[in-house]
């Protein structure tokens, strides 16, 4: 009985460690995506400021 409880505890701990690793990976990916998007937006802002593109809209 006690051995079963120890095994369940070890299994639960292993699951929690896996969840923790997955969450850490997710956070890192989110941070990388944020920085990439920020750089893209900076470049887009620069190109818009250089060109002063006018956009016309037409009703269809």
PDB file of N, CA and C in Angstrom:
ATOM      1  N   UNK A   1       0.824  -1.192   0.000  1.00  0.00           N
ATOM      2  CA  UNK A   1       0.000   0.000   0.000  1.00  0.00           C
ATOM      3  C   UNK A   1       0.868   1.255   0.000  1.00  0.00           C
ATOM      4  N   UNK A   2       1.880   1.251   0.885  1.00  0.00           N
ATOM      5  CA  UNK A   2       2.761   2.416   0.968  1.00  0.00           C
ATOM      6  C   UNK A   2       3.585   2.569  -0.311  1.00  0.00           C
ATOM      7  N   UNK A   3       4.002   1.448  -0.894  1.00  0.00           N
ATOM      8  CA  UNK A   3       4.765   1.471  -2.138  1.00  0.00           C
ATOM      9  C   UNK A   3       3.955   2.050  -3.285  1.00  0.00           C
ATOM     10  N   UNK A   4       2.645   1.740  -3.312  1.00  0.00           N
ATOM     11  CA  UNK A   4       1.766   2.298  -4.345  1.00  0.00           C
ATOM     12  C   UNK A   4       1.686   3.815  -4.230  1.00  0.00           C
ATOM     13  N   UNK A   5       1.588   4.288  -3.001  1.00  0.00           N
ATOM     14  CA  UNK A   5       1.489   5.730  -2.764  1.00  0.00           C
ATOM     15  C   UNK A   5       2.775   6.437  -3.199  1.00  0.00           C
ATOM     16  N   UNK A   6       3.910   5.807  -2.919  1.00  0.00           N
ATOM     17  CA  UNK A   6       5.200   6.374  -3.321  1.00  0.00           C
ATOM     18  C   UNK A   6       5.300   6.424  -4.839  1.00  0.00           C
ATOM     19  N   UNK A   7       4.856   5.362  -5.504  1.00  0.00           N
ATOM     20  CA  UNK A   7       4.902   5.330  -6.973  1.00  0.00           C
ATOM     21  C   UNK A   7       3.995   6.395  -7.574  1.00  0.00           C
ATOM     22  N   UNK A   8       2.792   6.565  -6.980  1.00  0.00           N
ATOM     23  CA  UNK A   8       1.865   7.591  -7.472  1.00  0.00           C
ATOM     24  C   UNK A   8       2.461   8.980  -7.275  1.00  0.00           C
ATOM     25  N   UNK A   9       3.122   9.176  -6.137  1.00  0.00           N
ATOM     26  CA  UNK A   9       3.747  10.469  -5.857  1.00  0.00           C
ATOM     27  C   UNK A   9       4.872  10.742  -6.848  1.00  0.00           C
ATOM     28  N   UNK A  10       5.696   9.723  -7.126  1.00  0.00           N
ATOM     29  CA  UNK A  10       6.785   9.892  -8.100  1.00  0.00           C
ATOM     30  C   UNK A  10       6.236  10.175  -9.490  1.00  0.00           C
ATOM     31  N   UNK A  11       5.154   9.462  -9.851  1.00  0.00           N
ATOM     32  CA  UNK A  11       4.532   9.660 -11.155  1.00  0.00           C
ATOM     33  C   UNK A  11       3.958  11.080 -11.251  1.00  0.00           C
ATOM     34  N   UNK A  12       3.286  11.524 -10.184  1.00  0.00           N
ATOM     35  CA  UNK A  12       2.726  12.882 -10.165  1.00  0.00           C
ATOM     36  C   UNK A  12       3.830  13.922 -10.274  1.00  0.00           C
ATOM     37  N   UNK A  13       4.929  13.690  -9.575  1.00  0.00           N
ATOM     38  CA  UNK A  13       6.058  14.615  -9.633  1.00  0.00           C
ATOM     39  C   UNK A  13       6.638  14.667 -11.042  1.00  0.00           C
ATOM     40  N   UNK A  14       6.726  13.511 -11.688  1.00  0.00           N
ATOM     41  CA  UNK A  14       7.241  13.458 -13.054  1.00  0.00           C
ATOM     42  C   UNK A  14       6.323  14.242 -13.995  1.00  0.00           C
ATOM     43  N   UNK A  15       4.999  14.067 -13.841  1.00  0.00           N
ATOM     44  CA  UNK A  15       4.046  14.811 -14.671  1.00  0.00           C
ATOM     45  C   UNK A  15       4.184  16.313 -14.448  1.00  0.00           C
ATOM     46  N   UNK A  16       4.322  16.717 -13.195  1.00  0.00           N
ATOM     47  CA  UNK A  16       4.463  18.146 -12.886  1.00  0.00           C
ATOM     48  C   UNK A  16       5.746  18.717 -13.477  1.00  0.00           C
ATOM     49  N   UNK A  17       6.824  17.944 -13.445  1.00  0.00           N
ATOM     50  CA  UNK A  17       8.080  18.401 -14.047  1.00  0.00           C
ATOM     51  C   UNK A  17       7.936  18.558 -15.559  1.00  0.00           C
ATOM     52  N   UNK A  18       7.221  17.625 -16.189  1.00  0.00           N
ATOM     53  CA  UNK A  18       6.992  17.729 -17.640  1.00  0.00           C
ATOM     54  C   UNK A  18       6.146  18.958 -17.965  1.00  0.00           C
ATOM     55  N   UNK A  19       5.102  19.177 -17.176  1.00  0.00           N
ATOM     56  CA  UNK A  19       4.252  20.360 -17.378  1.00  0.00           C
ATOM     57  C   UNK A  19       5.075  21.626 -17.208  1.00  0.00           C
ATOM     58  N   UNK A  20       5.930  21.645 -16.197  1.00  0.00           N
ATOM     59  CA  UNK A  20       6.781  22.809 -15.949  1.00  0.00           C
ATOM     60  C   UNK A  20       7.712  23.072 -17.130  1.00  0.00           C
ATOM     61  N   UNK A  21       8.321  22.021 -17.665  1.00  0.00           N
ATOM     62  CA  UNK A  21       9.202  22.180 -18.831  1.00  0.00           C
ATOM     63  C   UNK A  21       8.432  22.713 -20.032  1.00  0.00           C
ATOM     64  N   UNK A  22       7.231  22.180 -20.246  1.00  0.00           N
ATOM     65  CA  UNK A  22       6.414  22.642 -21.369  1.00  0.00           C
ATOM     66  C   UNK A  22       6.022  24.109 -21.207  1.00  0.00           C
ATOM     67  N   UNK A  23       5.665  24.497 -20.003  1.00  0.00           N
ATOM     68  CA  UNK A  23       5.305  25.900 -19.758  1.00  0.00           C
ATOM     69  C   UNK A  23       6.506  26.822 -19.956  1.00  0.00           C
ATOM     70  N   UNK A  24       7.669  26.384 -19.500  1.00  0.00           N
ATOM     71  CA  UNK A  24       8.877  27.193 -19.700  1.00  0.00           C
ATOM     72  C   UNK A  24       9.180  27.359 -21.185  1.00  0.00           C
ATOM     73  N   UNK A  25       9.031  26.283 -21.947  1.00  0.00           N
ATOM     74  CA  UNK A  25       9.245  26.348 -23.396  1.00  0.00           C
ATOM     75  C   UNK A  25       8.241  27.288 -24.042  1.00  0.00           C
ATOM     76  N   UNK A  26       7.000  27.199 -23.611  1.00  0.00           N
ATOM     77  CA  UNK A  26       5.954  28.066 -24.144  1.00  0.00           C
ATOM     78  C   UNK A  26       6.264  29.535 -23.872  1.00  0.00           C
ATOM     79  N   UNK A  27       6.710  29.829 -22.667  1.00  0.00           N
ATOM     80  CA  UNK A  27       7.061  31.207 -22.304  1.00  0.00           C
ATOM     81  C   UNK A  27       8.216  31.699 -23.164  1.00  0.00           C
ATOM     82  N   UNK A  28       9.240  30.867 -23.348  1.00  0.00           N
ATOM     83  CA  UNK A  28      10.379  31.257 -24.188  1.00  0.00           C
ATOM     84  C   UNK A  28       9.944  31.521 -25.622  1.00  0.00           C
ATOM     85  N   UNK A  29       9.087  30.650 -26.156  1.00  0.00           N
ATOM     86  CA  UNK A  29       8.594  30.840 -27.519  1.00  0.00           C
ATOM     87  C   UNK A  29       7.788  32.126 -27.640  1.00  0.00           C
ATOM     88  N   UNK A  30       6.991  32.405 -26.622  1.00  0.00           N
ATOM     89  CA  UNK A  30       6.180  33.620 -26.634  1.00  0.00           C
ATOM     90  C   UNK A  30       7.082  34.856 -26.599  1.00  0.00           C
ATOM     91  N   UNK A  31       8.122  34.818 -25.778  1.00  0.00           N
ATOM     92  CA  UNK A  31       9.054  35.949 -25.708  1.00  0.00           C
ATOM     93  C   UNK A  31       9.773  36.140 -27.041  1.00  0.00           C
ATOM     94  N   UNK A  32      10.208  35.044 -27.652  1.00  0.00           N
ATOM     95  CA  UNK A  32      10.893  35.146 -28.945  1.00  0.00           C
ATOM     96  C   UNK A  32       9.957  35.732 -29.995  1.00  0.00           C
ATOM     97  N   UNK A  33       8.714  35.266 -30.008  1.00  0.00           N
ATOM     98  CA  UNK A  33       7.725  35.780 -30.962  1.00  0.00           C
ATOM     99  C   UNK A  33       7.491  37.265 -30.739  1.00  0.00           C
ATOM    100  N   UNK A  34       7.401  37.672 -29.487  1.00  0.00           N
ATOM    101  CA  UNK A  34       7.194  39.083 -29.162  1.00  0.00           C
ATOM    102  C   UNK A  34       8.336  39.941 -29.716  1.00  0.00           C
ATOM    103  N   UNK A  35       9.569  39.527 -29.490  1.00  0.00           N
ATOM    104  CA  UNK A  35      10.710  40.319 -29.955  1.00  0.00           C
ATOM    105  C   UNK A  35      10.786  40.350 -31.482  1.00  0.00           C
ATOM    106  N   UNK A  36      10.481  39.225 -32.117  1.00  0.00           N
ATOM    107  CA  UNK A  36      10.471  39.191 -33.583  1.00  0.00           C
ATOM    108  C   UNK A  36       9.406  40.140 -34.119  1.00  0.00           C
ATOM    109  N   UNK A  37       8.204  40.074 -33.553  1.00  0.00           N
ATOM    110  CA  UNK A  37       7.113  40.950 -34.004  1.00  0.00           C
ATOM    111  C   UNK A  37       7.456  42.420 -33.766  1.00  0.00           C
ATOM    112  N   UNK A  38       8.094  42.701 -32.660  1.00  0.00           N
ATOM    113  CA  UNK A  38       8.476  44.082 -32.356  1.00  0.00           C
ATOM    114  C   UNK A  38       9.459  44.612 -33.397  1.00  0.00           C
ATOM    115  N   UNK A  39      10.427  43.776 -33.784  1.00  0.00           N
ATOM    116  CA  UNK A  39      11.392  44.189 -34.804  1.00  0.00           C
ATOM    117  C   UNK A  39      10.711  44.382 -36.159  1.00  0.00           C
ATOM    118  N   UNK A  40       9.792  43.495 -36.488  1.00  0.00           N
ATOM    119  CA  UNK A  40       9.060  43.633 -37.752  1.00  0.00           C
ATOM    120  C   UNK A  40       8.275  44.938 -37.759  1.00  0.00           C
ATOM    121  N   UNK A  41       7.604  45.238 -36.663  1.00  0.00           N
ATOM    122  CA  UNK A  41       6.825  46.482 -36.587  1.00  0.00           C
ATOM    123  C   UNK A  41       7.719  47.712 -36.686  1.00  0.00           C
ATOM    124  N   UNK A  42       8.889  47.652 -36.075  1.00  0.00           N
ATOM    125  CA  UNK A  42       9.835  48.773 -36.191  1.00  0.00           C
ATOM    126  C   UNK A  42      10.220  48.994 -37.647  1.00  0.00           C
ATOM    127  N   UNK A  43      10.535  47.902 -38.351  1.00  0.00           N
ATOM    128  CA  UNK A  43      10.921  48.010 -39.760  1.00  0.00           C
ATOM    129  C   UNK A  43       9.768  48.540 -40.599  1.00  0.00           C
ATOM    130  N   UNK A  44       8.557  48.079 -40.308  1.00  0.00           N
ATOM    131  CA  UNK A  44       7.394  48.555 -41.051  1.00  0.00           C
ATOM    132  C   UNK A  44       7.177  50.046 -40.812  1.00  0.00           C
ATOM    133  N   UNK A  45       7.324  50.482 -39.576  1.00  0.00           N
ATOM    134  CA  UNK A  45       7.168  51.905 -39.255  1.00  0.00           C
ATOM    135  C   UNK A  45       8.184  52.737 -40.015  1.00  0.00           C
ATOM    136  N   UNK A  46       9.422  52.267 -40.074  1.00  0.00           N
ATOM    137  CA  UNK A  46      10.470  52.997 -40.793  1.00  0.00           C
ATOM    138  C   UNK A  46      10.142  53.109 -42.274  1.00  0.00           C
ATOM    139  N   UNK A  47       9.684  52.009 -42.857  1.00  0.00           N
ATOM    140  CA  UNK A  47       9.402  52.028 -44.291  1.00  0.00           C
ATOM    141  C   UNK A  47       8.192  52.907 -44.594  1.00  0.00           C
ATOM    142  N   UNK A  48       7.208  52.927 -43.729  1.00  0.00           N
ATOM    143  CA  UNK A  48       6.033  53.783 -43.932  1.00  0.00           C
ATOM    144  C   UNK A  48       6.438  55.247 -43.829  1.00  0.00           C
ATOM    145  N   UNK A  49       7.278  55.569 -42.886  1.00  0.00           N
ATOM    146  CA  UNK A  49       7.728  56.954 -42.721  1.00  0.00           C
ATOM    147  C   UNK A  49       8.536  57.432 -43.922  1.00  0.00           C
ATOM    148  N   UNK A  50       9.259  56.524 -44.561  1.00  0.00           N
ATOM    149  CA  UNK A  50      10.085  56.907 -45.710  1.00  0.00           C
ATOM    150  C   UNK A  50       9.243  57.139 -46.954  1.00  0.00           C
ATOM    151  N   UNK A  51       8.194  56.369 -47.141  1.00  0.00           N
ATOM    152  CA  UNK A  51       7.457  56.389 -48.403  1.00  0.00           C
ATOM    153  C   UNK A  51       6.272  57.346 -48.428  1.00  0.00           C
ATOM    154  N   UNK A  52       5.580  57.531 -47.335  1.00  0.00           N
ATOM    155  CA  UNK A  52       4.349  58.332 -47.281  1.00  0.00           C
ATOM    156  C   UNK A  52       3.355  57.863 -48.332  1.00  0.00           C
ATOM    157  N   UNK A  53       3.014  56.606 -48.264  1.00  0.00           N
ATOM    158  CA  UNK A  53       2.115  56.017 -49.255  1.00  0.00           C
ATOM    159  C   UNK A  53       0.686  56.469 -48.976  1.00  0.00           C
ATOM    160  N   UNK A  54      -0.018  56.878 -50.050  1.00  0.00           N
ATOM    161  CA  UNK A  54      -1.420  57.248 -49.917  1.00  0.00           C
ATOM    162  C   UNK A  54      -2.268  56.088 -50.403  1.00  0.00           C
ATOM    163  N   UNK A  55      -3.308  55.803 -49.669  1.00  0.00           N
ATOM    164  CA  UNK A  55      -4.193  54.703 -50.040  1.00  0.00           C
ATOM    165  C   UNK A  55      -5.572  55.280 -50.314  1.00  0.00           C
ATOM    166  N   UNK A  56      -6.129  54.919 -51.467  1.00  0.00           N
ATOM    167  CA  UNK A  56      -7.481  55.358 -51.811  1.00  0.00           C
ATOM    168  C   UNK A  56      -8.438  54.204 -51.588  1.00  0.00           C
ATOM    169  N   UNK A  57      -9.605  54.556 -51.095  1.00  0.00           N
ATOM    170  CA  UNK A  57     -10.622  53.525 -50.905  1.00  0.00           C
ATOM    171  C   UNK A  57     -11.759  53.776 -51.873  1.00  0.00           C
ATOM    172  N   UNK A  58     -12.272  52.709 -52.420  1.00  0.00           N
ATOM    173  CA  UNK A  58     -13.419  52.806 -53.318  1.00  0.00           C
ATOM    174  C   UNK A  58     -14.537  51.946 -52.775  1.00  0.00           C
ATOM    175  N   UNK A  59     -15.748  52.455 -52.866  1.00  0.00           N
ATOM    176  CA  UNK A  59     -16.893  51.643 -52.471  1.00  0.00           C
ATOM    177  C   UNK A  59     -17.202  50.673 -53.600  1.00  0.00           C
ATOM    178  N   UNK A  60     -17.530  49.475 -53.213  1.00  0.00           N
ATOM    179  CA  UNK A  60     -17.836  48.460 -54.226  1.00  0.00           C
ATOM    180  C   UNK A  60     -19.348  48.299 -54.330  1.00  0.00           C
TER     181      UNK A  60
END
